[in-house]
Amino acid sequence: MLAWLSEPAAHTEDRWSILNNSRTTTHNDPAQARYHMLLSALDSGWKVETPVYVRSDWSLKRKDAKVFHFVLRRDSIRMTTLLSVPDCEAVRQLIGDNGWALSPNGEA
């Protein structure tokens, strides 16, 4: 993804540092941990750019497992990044509640 700098690089944090700085809880469940990272990013001013991409999760042994890929933009620092969240009921609910469109080939 792209990272645009609006000020000199010495004064700009890495995009993952910005996302991770506001995460205060840890979870044993990777899906819940990534979901909470997404919520934290949204609370910190990141916005989801639709569509949300849904793909098979190649890293899992189950062939039917899915992962959601969120393109996040934060205009105040002119930065865009990608956050992947494994499929879980909470993330499906968040997508539905916000009316975010899924990629045309996405199945949710």
PDB file of N, CA and C in Angstrom:
ATOM      1  N   MET A   1       0.839  -1.178   0.000  1.00  0.00           N
ATOM      2  CA  MET A   1       0.000   0.000   0.000  1.00  0.00           C
ATOM      3  C   MET A   1       0.887   1.244   0.000  1.00  0.00           C
ATOM      4  N   LEU A   2       0.263   2.355  -0.222  1.00  0.00           N
ATOM      5  CA  LEU A   2       0.995   3.601  -0.320  1.00  0.00           C
ATOM      6  C   LEU A   2       1.062   4.308   1.014  1.00  0.00           C
ATOM      7  N   ALA A   3       2.128   4.996   1.222  1.00  0.00           N
ATOM      8  CA  ALA A   3       2.263   5.843   2.411  1.00  0.00           C
ATOM      9  C   ALA A   3       2.744   7.201   1.932  1.00  0.00           C
ATOM     10  N   TRP A   4       1.881   8.210   1.993  1.00  0.00           N
ATOM     11  CA  TRP A   4       2.265   9.551   1.586  1.00  0.00           C
ATOM     12  C   TRP A   4       2.695  10.318   2.807  1.00  0.00           C
ATOM     13  N   LEU A   5       3.710  11.090   2.657  1.00  0.00           N
ATOM     14  CA  LEU A   5       4.220  11.871   3.775  1.00  0.00           C
ATOM     15  C   LEU A   5       3.841  13.320   3.580  1.00  0.00           C
ATOM     16  N   SER A   6       3.305  13.922   4.609  1.00  0.00           N
ATOM     17  CA  SER A   6       2.956  15.327   4.532  1.00  0.00           C
ATOM     18  C   SER A   6       3.994  16.184   5.240  1.00  0.00           C
ATOM     19  N   GLU A   7       4.961  15.548   5.882  1.00  0.00           N
ATOM     20  CA  GLU A   7       6.047  16.250   6.552  1.00  0.00           C
ATOM     21  C   GLU A   7       7.306  15.415   6.414  1.00  0.00           C
ATOM     22  N   PRO A   8       8.454  15.939   6.791  1.00  0.00           N
ATOM     23  CA  PRO A   8       9.701  15.171   6.625  1.00  0.00           C
ATOM     24  C   PRO A   8       9.626  13.804   7.296  1.00  0.00           C
ATOM     25  N   ALA A   9      10.304  12.837   6.690  1.00  0.00           N
ATOM     26  CA  ALA A   9      10.266  11.458   7.176  1.00  0.00           C
ATOM     27  C   ALA A   9      10.717  11.329   8.620  1.00  0.00           C
ATOM     28  N   ALA A  10      11.597  12.165   9.071  1.00  0.00           N
ATOM     29  CA  ALA A  10      12.094  12.076  10.442  1.00  0.00           C
ATOM     30  C   ALA A  10      10.995  12.328  11.460  1.00  0.00           C
ATOM     31  N   HIS A  11       9.933  13.012  11.053  1.00  0.00           N
ATOM     32  CA  HIS A  11       8.853  13.352  11.981  1.00  0.00           C
ATOM     33  C   HIS A  11       7.614  12.490  11.793  1.00  0.00           C
ATOM     34  N   THR A  12       7.676  11.525  10.906  1.00  0.00           N
ATOM     35  CA  THR A  12       6.516  10.701  10.594  1.00  0.00           C
ATOM     36  C   THR A  12       6.743   9.285  11.091  1.00  0.00           C
ATOM     37  N   GLU A  13       5.756   8.751  11.803  1.00  0.00           N
ATOM     38  CA  GLU A  13       5.852   7.386  12.305  1.00  0.00           C
ATOM     39  C   GLU A  13       5.512   6.384  11.214  1.00  0.00           C
ATOM     40  N   ASP A  14       6.033   5.198  11.335  1.00  0.00           N
ATOM     41  CA  ASP A  14       5.689   4.089  10.477  1.00  0.00           C
ATOM     42  C   ASP A  14       4.198   3.792  10.632  1.00  0.00           C
ATOM     43  N   ARG A  15       3.524   3.426   9.521  1.00  0.00           N
ATOM     44  CA  ARG A  15       2.074   3.226   9.574  1.00  0.00           C
ATOM     45  C   ARG A  15       1.665   2.140  10.556  1.00  0.00           C
ATOM     46  N   TRP A  16       2.470   1.070  10.701  1.00  0.00           N
ATOM     47  CA  TRP A  16       2.102   0.013  11.647  1.00  0.00           C
ATOM     48  C   TRP A  16       2.286   0.493  13.085  1.00  0.00           C
ATOM     49  N   SER A  17       3.266   1.339  13.322  1.00  0.00           N
ATOM     50  CA  SER A  17       3.438   1.901  14.662  1.00  0.00           C
ATOM     51  C   SER A  17       2.219   2.720  15.042  1.00  0.00           C
ATOM     52  N   ILE A  18       1.722   3.497  14.094  1.00  0.00           N
ATOM     53  CA  ILE A  18       0.542   4.321  14.358  1.00  0.00           C
ATOM     54  C   ILE A  18      -0.650   3.438  14.680  1.00  0.00           C
ATOM     55  N   LEU A  19      -0.848   2.370  13.903  1.00  0.00           N
ATOM     56  CA  LEU A  19      -1.971   1.470  14.164  1.00  0.00           C
ATOM     57  C   LEU A  19      -1.808   0.747  15.493  1.00  0.00           C
ATOM     58  N   ASN A  20      -0.599   0.313  15.799  1.00  0.00           N
ATOM     59  CA  ASN A  20      -0.378  -0.493  16.994  1.00  0.00           C
ATOM     60  C   ASN A  20      -0.301   0.311  18.282  1.00  0.00           C
ATOM     61  N   ASN A  21       0.001   1.579  18.210  1.00  0.00           N
ATOM     62  CA  ASN A  21       0.149   2.379  19.428  1.00  0.00           C
ATOM     63  C   ASN A  21      -1.117   2.449  20.254  1.00  0.00           C
ATOM     64  N   SER A  22      -2.279   2.392  19.619  1.00  0.00           N
ATOM     65  CA  SER A  22      -3.516   2.544  20.363  1.00  0.00           C
ATOM     66  C   SER A  22      -4.096   1.214  20.828  1.00  0.00           C
ATOM     67  N   ARG A  23      -3.438   0.112  20.499  1.00  0.00           N
ATOM     68  CA  ARG A  23      -3.935  -1.203  20.923  1.00  0.00           C
ATOM     69  C   ARG A  23      -3.538  -1.435  22.377  1.00  0.00           C
ATOM     70  N   THR A  24      -4.530  -1.605  23.241  1.00  0.00           N
ATOM     71  CA  THR A  24      -4.241  -1.745  24.663  1.00  0.00           C
ATOM     72  C   THR A  24      -4.540  -3.135  25.202  1.00  0.00           C
ATOM     73  N   THR A  25      -5.253  -3.955  24.452  1.00  0.00           N
ATOM     74  CA  THR A  25      -5.576  -5.286  24.943  1.00  0.00           C
ATOM     75  C   THR A  25      -4.944  -6.332  24.042  1.00  0.00           C
ATOM     76  N   THR A  26      -4.656  -7.475  24.629  1.00  0.00           N
ATOM     77  CA  THR A  26      -4.144  -8.587  23.840  1.00  0.00           C
ATOM     78  C   THR A  26      -5.151  -9.726  23.931  1.00  0.00           C
ATOM     79  N   HIS A  27      -5.164 -10.567  22.928  1.00  0.00           N
ATOM     80  CA  HIS A  27      -6.109 -11.675  22.862  1.00  0.00           C
ATOM     81  C   HIS A  27      -5.370 -12.933  22.457  1.00  0.00           C
ATOM     82  N   ASN A  28      -5.846 -14.065  22.956  1.00  0.00           N
ATOM     83  CA  ASN A  28      -5.286 -15.342  22.546  1.00  0.00           C
ATOM     84  C   ASN A  28      -5.800 -15.747  21.175  1.00  0.00           C
ATOM     85  N   ASP A  29      -6.982 -15.268  20.802  1.00  0.00           N
ATOM     86  CA  ASP A  29      -7.588 -15.577  19.516  1.00  0.00           C
ATOM     87  C   ASP A  29      -7.097 -14.568  18.479  1.00  0.00           C
ATOM     88  N   PRO A  30      -6.359 -15.021  17.450  1.00  0.00           N
ATOM     89  CA  PRO A  30      -5.833 -14.085  16.452  1.00  0.00           C
ATOM     90  C   PRO A  30      -6.919 -13.273  15.745  1.00  0.00           C
ATOM     91  N   ALA A  31      -8.078 -13.896  15.486  1.00  0.00           N
ATOM     92  CA  ALA A  31      -9.172 -13.166  14.830  1.00  0.00           C
ATOM     93  C   ALA A  31      -9.648 -12.021  15.710  1.00  0.00           C
ATOM     94  N   GLN A  32      -9.811 -12.264  16.996  1.00  0.00           N
ATOM     95  CA  GLN A  32     -10.257 -11.212  17.908  1.00  0.00           C
ATOM     96  C   GLN A  32      -9.196 -10.128  18.073  1.00  0.00           C
ATOM     97  N   ALA A  33      -7.936 -10.516  18.096  1.00  0.00           N
ATOM     98  CA  ALA A  33      -6.858  -9.530  18.222  1.00  0.00           C
ATOM     99  C   ALA A  33      -6.844  -8.604  17.015  1.00  0.00           C
ATOM    100  N   ARG A  34      -6.967  -9.150  15.810  1.00  0.00           N
ATOM    101  CA  ARG A  34      -6.979  -8.329  14.602  1.00  0.00           C
ATOM    102  C   ARG A  34      -8.254  -7.481  14.523  1.00  0.00           C
ATOM    103  N   TYR A  35      -9.370  -8.045  14.962  1.00  0.00           N
ATOM    104  CA  TYR A  35     -10.631  -7.296  14.996  1.00  0.00           C
ATOM    105  C   TYR A  35     -10.485  -6.090  15.928  1.00  0.00           C
ATOM    106  N   HIS A  36      -9.903  -6.287  17.087  1.00  0.00           N
ATOM    107  CA  HIS A  36      -9.714  -5.181  18.032  1.00  0.00           C
ATOM    108  C   HIS A  36      -8.704  -4.161  17.497  1.00  0.00           C
ATOM    109  N   MET A  37      -7.723  -4.618  16.719  1.00  0.00           N
ATOM    110  CA  MET A  37      -6.803  -3.686  16.076  1.00  0.00           C
ATOM    111  C   MET A  37      -7.565  -2.813  15.077  1.00  0.00           C
ATOM    112  N   LEU A  38      -8.505  -3.417  14.342  1.00  0.00           N
ATOM    113  CA  LEU A  38      -9.328  -2.658  13.401  1.00  0.00           C
ATOM    114  C   LEU A  38     -10.175  -1.624  14.140  1.00  0.00           C
ATOM    115  N   LEU A  39     -10.825  -2.034  15.218  1.00  0.00           N
ATOM    116  CA  LEU A  39     -11.638  -1.089  16.001  1.00  0.00           C
ATOM    117  C   LEU A  39     -10.793   0.057  16.538  1.00  0.00           C
ATOM    118  N   SER A  40      -9.614  -0.272  17.008  1.00  0.00           N
ATOM    119  CA  SER A  40      -8.705   0.742  17.533  1.00  0.00           C
ATOM    120  C   SER A  40      -8.291   1.718  16.435  1.00  0.00           C
ATOM    121  N   ALA A  41      -8.014   1.188  15.247  1.00  0.00           N
ATOM    122  CA  ALA A  41      -7.648   2.049  14.120  1.00  0.00           C
ATOM    123  C   ALA A  41      -8.798   2.990  13.767  1.00  0.00           C
ATOM    124  N   LEU A  42     -10.016   2.465  13.752  1.00  0.00           N
ATOM    125  CA  LEU A  42     -11.182   3.301  13.448  1.00  0.00           C
ATOM    126  C   LEU A  42     -11.360   4.376  14.510  1.00  0.00           C
ATOM    127  N   ASP A  43     -11.165   4.016  15.772  1.00  0.00           N
ATOM    128  CA  ASP A  43     -11.256   4.993  16.861  1.00  0.00           C
ATOM    129  C   ASP A  43     -10.177   6.060  16.765  1.00  0.00           C
ATOM    130  N   SER A  44      -9.050   5.715  16.127  1.00  0.00           N
ATOM    131  CA  SER A  44      -7.923   6.647  16.009  1.00  0.00           C
ATOM    132  C   SER A  44      -8.007   7.532  14.775  1.00  0.00           C
ATOM    133  N   GLY A  45      -9.087   7.415  14.022  1.00  0.00           N
ATOM    134  CA  GLY A  45      -9.267   8.291  12.879  1.00  0.00           C
ATOM    135  C   GLY A  45      -9.061   7.658  11.518  1.00  0.00           C
ATOM    136  N   TRP A  46      -8.733   6.369  11.474  1.00  0.00           N
ATOM    137  CA  TRP A  46      -8.614   5.686  10.191  1.00  0.00           C
ATOM    138  C   TRP A  46     -10.009   5.446   9.633  1.00  0.00           C
ATOM    139  N   LYS A  47     -10.156   5.473   8.327  1.00  0.00           N
ATOM    140  CA  LYS A  47     -11.428   5.228   7.638  1.00  0.00           C
ATOM    141  C   LYS A  47     -11.261   4.045   6.696  1.00  0.00           C
ATOM    142  N   VAL A  48     -12.320   3.242   6.582  1.00  0.00           N
ATOM    143  CA  VAL A  48     -12.309   2.104   5.667  1.00  0.00           C
ATOM    144  C   VAL A  48     -12.691   2.602   4.278  1.00  0.00           C
ATOM    145  N   GLU A  49     -11.865   2.246   3.295  1.00  0.00           N
ATOM    146  CA  GLU A  49     -12.200   2.511   1.898  1.00  0.00           C
ATOM    147  C   GLU A  49     -12.798   1.239   1.331  1.00  0.00           C
ATOM    148  N   THR A  50     -13.998   1.340   0.825  1.00  0.00           N
ATOM    149  CA  THR A  50     -14.654   0.170   0.267  1.00  0.00           C
ATOM    150  C   THR A  50     -14.243  -0.018  -1.184  1.00  0.00           C
ATOM    151  N   PRO A  51     -14.317  -1.249  -1.654  1.00  0.00           N
ATOM    152  CA  PRO A  51     -14.908  -2.386  -0.979  1.00  0.00           C
ATOM    153  C   PRO A  51     -13.935  -3.044  -0.004  1.00  0.00           C
ATOM    154  N   VAL A  52     -14.489  -3.832   0.898  1.00  0.00           N
ATOM    155  CA  VAL A  52     -13.691  -4.693   1.760  1.00  0.00           C
ATOM    156  C   VAL A  52     -13.464  -5.972   0.949  1.00  0.00           C
ATOM    157  N   TYR A  53     -12.216  -6.402   0.867  1.00  0.00           N
ATOM    158  CA  TYR A  53     -11.889  -7.581   0.075  1.00  0.00           C
ATOM    159  C   TYR A  53     -11.981  -8.839   0.931  1.00  0.00           C
ATOM    160  N   VAL A  54     -12.589  -9.884   0.368  1.00  0.00           N
ATOM    161  CA  VAL A  54     -12.735 -11.166   1.059  1.00  0.00           C
ATOM    162  C   VAL A  54     -12.028 -12.216   0.226  1.00  0.00           C
ATOM    163  N   ARG A  55     -11.142 -12.935   0.862  1.00  0.00           N
ATOM    164  CA  ARG A  55     -10.384 -13.973   0.161  1.00  0.00           C
ATOM    165  C   ARG A  55     -10.279 -15.212   1.047  1.00  0.00           C
ATOM    166  N   SER A  56      -9.975 -16.327   0.410  1.00  0.00           N
ATOM    167  CA  SER A  56      -9.670 -17.533   1.183  1.00  0.00           C
ATOM    168  C   SER A  56      -8.376 -17.286   1.933  1.00  0.00           C
ATOM    169  N   ASP A  57      -8.304 -17.776   3.152  1.00  0.00           N
ATOM    170  CA  ASP A  57      -7.104 -17.593   3.964  1.00  0.00           C
ATOM    171  C   ASP A  57      -6.144 -18.740   3.682  1.00  0.00           C
ATOM    172  N   TRP A  58      -5.155 -18.467   2.852  1.00  0.00           N
ATOM    173  CA  TRP A  58      -4.216 -19.498   2.421  1.00  0.00           C
ATOM    174  C   TRP A  58      -3.326 -19.974   3.564  1.00  0.00           C
ATOM    175  N   SER A  59      -3.245 -19.219   4.660  1.00  0.00           N
ATOM    176  CA  SER A  59      -2.352 -19.600   5.751  1.00  0.00           C
ATOM    177  C   SER A  59      -2.981 -20.619   6.701  1.00  0.00           C
ATOM    178  N   LEU A  60      -4.270 -20.869   6.553  1.00  0.00           N
ATOM    179  CA  LEU A  60      -4.949 -21.818   7.434  1.00  0.00           C
ATOM    180  C   LEU A  60      -5.125 -23.157   6.736  1.00  0.00           C
ATOM    181  N   LYS A  61      -5.236 -24.197   7.504  1.00  0.00           N
ATOM    182  CA  LYS A  61      -5.382 -25.526   6.937  1.00  0.00           C
ATOM    183  C   LYS A  61      -6.784 -25.756   6.373  1.00  0.00           C
ATOM    184  N   ARG A  62      -7.780 -25.085   6.933  1.00  0.00           N
ATOM    185  CA  ARG A  62      -9.149 -25.227   6.426  1.00  0.00           C
ATOM    186  C   ARG A  62      -9.287 -24.441   5.129  1.00  0.00           C
ATOM    187  N   LYS A  63      -9.705 -25.094   4.085  1.00  0.00           N
ATOM    188  CA  LYS A  63      -9.832 -24.456   2.778  1.00  0.00           C
ATOM    189  C   LYS A  63     -10.991 -23.461   2.729  1.00  0.00           C
ATOM    190  N   ASP A  64     -11.974 -23.609   3.627  1.00  0.00           N
ATOM    191  CA  ASP A  64     -13.136 -22.718   3.603  1.00  0.00           C
ATOM    192  C   ASP A  64     -12.960 -21.478   4.485  1.00  0.00           C
ATOM    193  N   ALA A  65     -11.806 -21.336   5.134  1.00  0.00           N
ATOM    194  CA  ALA A  65     -11.565 -20.175   5.998  1.00  0.00           C
ATOM    195  C   ALA A  65     -11.378 -18.920   5.144  1.00  0.00           C
ATOM    196  N   LYS A  66     -11.938 -17.809   5.592  1.00  0.00           N
ATOM    197  CA  LYS A  66     -11.868 -16.537   4.877  1.00  0.00           C
ATOM    198  C   LYS A  66     -11.130 -15.500   5.711  1.00  0.00           C
ATOM    199  N   VAL A  67     -10.641 -14.473   5.023  1.00  0.00           N
ATOM    200  CA  VAL A  67     -10.020 -13.334   5.682  1.00  0.00           C
ATOM    201  C   VAL A  67     -10.536 -12.073   4.978  1.00  0.00           C
ATOM    202  N   PHE A  68     -10.798 -11.034   5.764  1.00  0.00           N
ATOM    203  CA  PHE A  68     -11.237  -9.745   5.238  1.00  0.00           C
ATOM    204  C   PHE A  68     -10.030  -8.818   5.179  1.00  0.00           C
ATOM    205  N   HIS A  69      -9.869  -8.147   4.041  1.00  0.00           N
ATOM    206  CA  HIS A  69      -8.773  -7.187   3.863  1.00  0.00           C
ATOM    207  C   HIS A  69      -9.375  -5.782   3.806  1.00  0.00           C
ATOM    208  N   PHE A  70      -9.025  -4.956   4.779  1.00  0.00           N
ATOM    209  CA  PHE A  70      -9.527  -3.591   4.873  1.00  0.00           C
ATOM    210  C   PHE A  70      -8.458  -2.621   4.394  1.00  0.00           C
ATOM    211  N   VAL A  71      -8.811  -1.789   3.429  1.00  0.00           N
ATOM    212  CA  VAL A  71      -7.938  -0.694   3.026  1.00  0.00           C
ATOM    213  C   VAL A  71      -8.308   0.473   3.936  1.00  0.00           C
ATOM    214  N   LEU A  72      -7.335   0.923   4.714  1.00  0.00           N
ATOM    215  CA  LEU A  72      -7.565   2.005   5.670  1.00  0.00           C
ATOM    216  C   LEU A  72      -6.835   3.258   5.220  1.00  0.00           C
ATOM    217  N   ARG A  73      -7.517   4.387   5.358  1.00  0.00           N
ATOM    218  CA  ARG A  73      -6.918   5.673   4.991  1.00  0.00           C
ATOM    219  C   ARG A  73      -7.048   6.622   6.188  1.00  0.00           C
ATOM    220  N   ARG A  74      -6.001   7.372   6.380  1.00  0.00           N
ATOM    221  CA  ARG A  74      -6.009   8.394   7.426  1.00  0.00           C
ATOM    222  C   ARG A  74      -5.563   9.703   6.768  1.00  0.00           C
ATOM    223  N   ASP A  75      -6.540  10.519   6.426  1.00  0.00           N
ATOM    224  CA  ASP A  75      -6.266  11.736   5.665  1.00  0.00           C
ATOM    225  C   ASP A  75      -5.425  12.740   6.433  1.00  0.00           C
ATOM    226  N   SER A  76      -5.556  12.779   7.753  1.00  0.00           N
ATOM    227  CA  SER A  76      -4.817  13.782   8.526  1.00  0.00           C
ATOM    228  C   SER A  76      -3.308  13.617   8.386  1.00  0.00           C
ATOM    229  N   ILE A  77      -2.864  12.395   8.078  1.00  0.00           N
ATOM    230  CA  ILE A  77      -1.427  12.183   7.866  1.00  0.00           C
ATOM    231  C   ILE A  77      -1.145  11.646   6.465  1.00  0.00           C
ATOM    232  N   ARG A  78      -2.158  11.713   5.599  1.00  0.00           N
ATOM    233  CA  ARG A  78      -2.038  11.297   4.202  1.00  0.00           C
ATOM    234  C   ARG A  78      -1.381   9.927   4.082  1.00  0.00           C
ATOM    235  N   MET A  79      -2.017   8.935   4.693  1.00  0.00           N
ATOM    236  CA  MET A  79      -1.449   7.597   4.719  1.00  0.00           C
ATOM    237  C   MET A  79      -2.536   6.567   4.426  1.00  0.00           C
ATOM    238  N   THR A  80      -2.167   5.519   3.709  1.00  0.00           N
ATOM    239  CA  THR A  80      -3.058   4.403   3.411  1.00  0.00           C
ATOM    240  C   THR A  80      -2.332   3.114   3.766  1.00  0.00           C
ATOM    241  N   THR A  81      -3.070   2.147   4.315  1.00  0.00           N
ATOM    242  CA  THR A  81      -2.471   0.868   4.666  1.00  0.00           C
ATOM    243  C   THR A  81      -3.522  -0.230   4.542  1.00  0.00           C
ATOM    244  N   LEU A  82      -3.099  -1.458   4.656  1.00  0.00           N
ATOM    245  CA  LEU A  82      -3.977  -2.615   4.565  1.00  0.00           C
ATOM    246  C   LEU A  82      -3.960  -3.346   5.901  1.00  0.00           C
ATOM    247  N   LEU A  83      -5.146  -3.715   6.381  1.00  0.00           N
ATOM    248  CA  LEU A  83      -5.256  -4.497   7.614  1.00  0.00           C
ATOM    249  C   LEU A  83      -6.116  -5.716   7.313  1.00  0.00           C
ATOM    250  N   SER A  84      -5.571  -6.900   7.531  1.00  0.00           N
ATOM    251  CA  SER A  84      -6.296  -8.146   7.289  1.00  0.00           C
ATOM    252  C   SER A  84      -6.824  -8.692   8.606  1.00  0.00           C
ATOM    253  N   VAL A  85      -8.107  -9.115   8.573  1.00  0.00           N
ATOM    254  CA  VAL A  85      -8.765  -9.624   9.774  1.00  0.00           C
ATOM    255  C   VAL A  85      -9.404 -10.965   9.430  1.00  0.00           C
ATOM    256  N   PRO A  86      -9.035 -12.032  10.151  1.00  0.00           N
ATOM    257  CA  PRO A  86      -9.677 -13.324   9.902  1.00  0.00           C
ATOM    258  C   PRO A  86     -11.187 -13.247  10.125  1.00  0.00           C
ATOM    259  N   ASP A  87     -11.908 -14.053   9.401  1.00  0.00           N
ATOM    260  CA  ASP A  87     -13.363 -14.091   9.478  1.00  0.00           C
ATOM    261  C   ASP A  87     -13.819 -14.474  10.883  1.00  0.00           C
ATOM    262  N   CYS A  88     -14.730 -13.700  11.412  1.00  0.00           N
ATOM    263  CA  CYS A  88     -15.392 -14.019  12.673  1.00  0.00           C
ATOM    264  C   CYS A  88     -16.718 -13.263  12.687  1.00  0.00           C
ATOM    265  N   GLU A  89     -17.615 -13.660  13.548  1.00  0.00           N
ATOM    266  CA  GLU A  89     -18.945 -13.045  13.601  1.00  0.00           C
ATOM    267  C   GLU A  89     -18.862 -11.547  13.881  1.00  0.00           C
ATOM    268  N   ALA A  90     -17.942 -11.130  14.741  1.00  0.00           N
ATOM    269  CA  ALA A  90     -17.830  -9.712  15.100  1.00  0.00           C
ATOM    270  C   ALA A  90     -17.465  -8.856  13.889  1.00  0.00           C
ATOM    271  N   VAL A  91     -16.548  -9.325  13.061  1.00  0.00           N
ATOM    272  CA  VAL A  91     -16.149  -8.529  11.897  1.00  0.00           C
ATOM    273  C   VAL A  91     -17.265  -8.509  10.854  1.00  0.00           C
ATOM    274  N   ARG A  92     -17.993  -9.603  10.716  1.00  0.00           N
ATOM    275  CA  ARG A  92     -19.145  -9.618   9.803  1.00  0.00           C
ATOM    276  C   ARG A  92     -20.196  -8.617  10.270  1.00  0.00           C
ATOM    277  N   GLN A  93     -20.417  -8.558  11.556  1.00  0.00           N
ATOM    278  CA  GLN A  93     -21.395  -7.622  12.121  1.00  0.00           C
ATOM    279  C   GLN A  93     -20.947  -6.176  11.878  1.00  0.00           C
ATOM    280  N   LEU A  94     -19.682  -5.896  12.077  1.00  0.00           N
ATOM    281  CA  LEU A  94     -19.142  -4.554  11.861  1.00  0.00           C
ATOM    282  C   LEU A  94     -19.312  -4.129  10.399  1.00  0.00           C
ATOM    283  N   ILE A  95     -19.027  -5.030   9.479  1.00  0.00           N
ATOM    284  CA  ILE A  95     -19.193  -4.738   8.057  1.00  0.00           C
ATOM    285  C   ILE A  95     -20.659  -4.444   7.748  1.00  0.00           C
ATOM    286  N   GLY A  96     -21.543  -5.281   8.257  1.00  0.00           N
ATOM    287  CA  GLY A  96     -22.977  -5.083   8.033  1.00  0.00           C
ATOM    288  C   GLY A  96     -23.504  -3.799   8.652  1.00  0.00           C
ATOM    289  N   ASP A  97     -23.103  -3.517   9.886  1.00  0.00           N
ATOM    290  CA  ASP A  97     -23.566  -2.315  10.580  1.00  0.00           C
ATOM    291  C   ASP A  97     -23.155  -1.038   9.864  1.00  0.00           C
ATOM    292  N   ASN A  98     -21.985  -1.062   9.217  1.00  0.00           N
ATOM    293  CA  ASN A  98     -21.477   0.125   8.536  1.00  0.00           C
ATOM    294  C   ASN A  98     -21.853   0.171   7.055  1.00  0.00           C
ATOM    295  N   GLY A  99     -22.476  -0.893   6.569  1.00  0.00           N
ATOM    296  CA  GLY A  99     -22.888  -0.929   5.175  1.00  0.00           C
ATOM    297  C   GLY A  99     -21.730  -0.934   4.190  1.00  0.00           C
ATOM    298  N   TRP A 100     -20.571  -1.460   4.615  1.00  0.00           N
ATOM    299  CA  TRP A 100     -19.405  -1.512   3.738  1.00  0.00           C
ATOM    300  C   TRP A 100     -19.622  -2.583   2.663  1.00  0.00           C
ATOM    301  N   ALA A 101     -19.396  -2.209   1.430  1.00  0.00           N
ATOM    302  CA  ALA A 101     -19.527  -3.141   0.306  1.00  0.00           C
ATOM    303  C   ALA A 101     -18.358  -4.131   0.339  1.00  0.00           C
ATOM    304  N   LEU A 102     -18.645  -5.346  -0.120  1.00  0.00           N
ATOM    305  CA  LEU A 102     -17.602  -6.368  -0.257  1.00  0.00           C
ATOM    306  C   LEU A 102     -17.144  -6.411  -1.707  1.00  0.00           C
ATOM    307  N   SER A 103     -15.919  -6.855  -1.917  1.00  0.00           N
ATOM    308  CA  SER A 103     -15.400  -6.992  -3.275  1.00  0.00           C
ATOM    309  C   SER A 103     -16.352  -7.879  -4.067  1.00  0.00           C
ATOM    310  N   PRO A 104     -16.464  -7.619  -5.368  1.00  0.00           N
ATOM    311  CA  PRO A 104     -17.446  -8.360  -6.180  1.00  0.00           C
ATOM    312  C   PRO A 104     -17.325  -9.870  -6.076  1.00  0.00           C
ATOM    313  N   ASN A 105     -16.123 -10.394  -5.933  1.00  0.00           N
ATOM    314  CA  ASN A 105     -15.976 -11.849  -5.836  1.00  0.00           C
ATOM    315  C   ASN A 105     -15.943 -12.330  -4.393  1.00  0.00           C
ATOM    316  N   GLY A 106     -16.206 -11.422  -3.442  1.00  0.00           N
ATOM    317  CA  GLY A 106     -16.190 -11.790  -2.027  1.00  0.00           C
ATOM    318  C   GLY A 106     -17.457 -12.498  -1.617  1.00  0.00           C
ATOM    319  N   GLU A 107     -17.318 -13.478  -0.775  1.00  0.00           N
ATOM    320  CA  GLU A 107     -18.467 -14.211  -0.257  1.00  0.00           C
ATOM    321  C   GLU A 107     -18.457 -14.079   1.252  1.00  0.00           C
ATOM    322  N   ALA A 108     -19.506 -13.519   1.796  1.00  0.00           N
ATOM    323  CA  ALA A 108     -19.559 -13.369   3.249  1.00  0.00           C
ATOM    324  C   ALA A 108     -20.811 -13.974   3.816  1.00  0.00           C
TER     325      ALA A 108
END
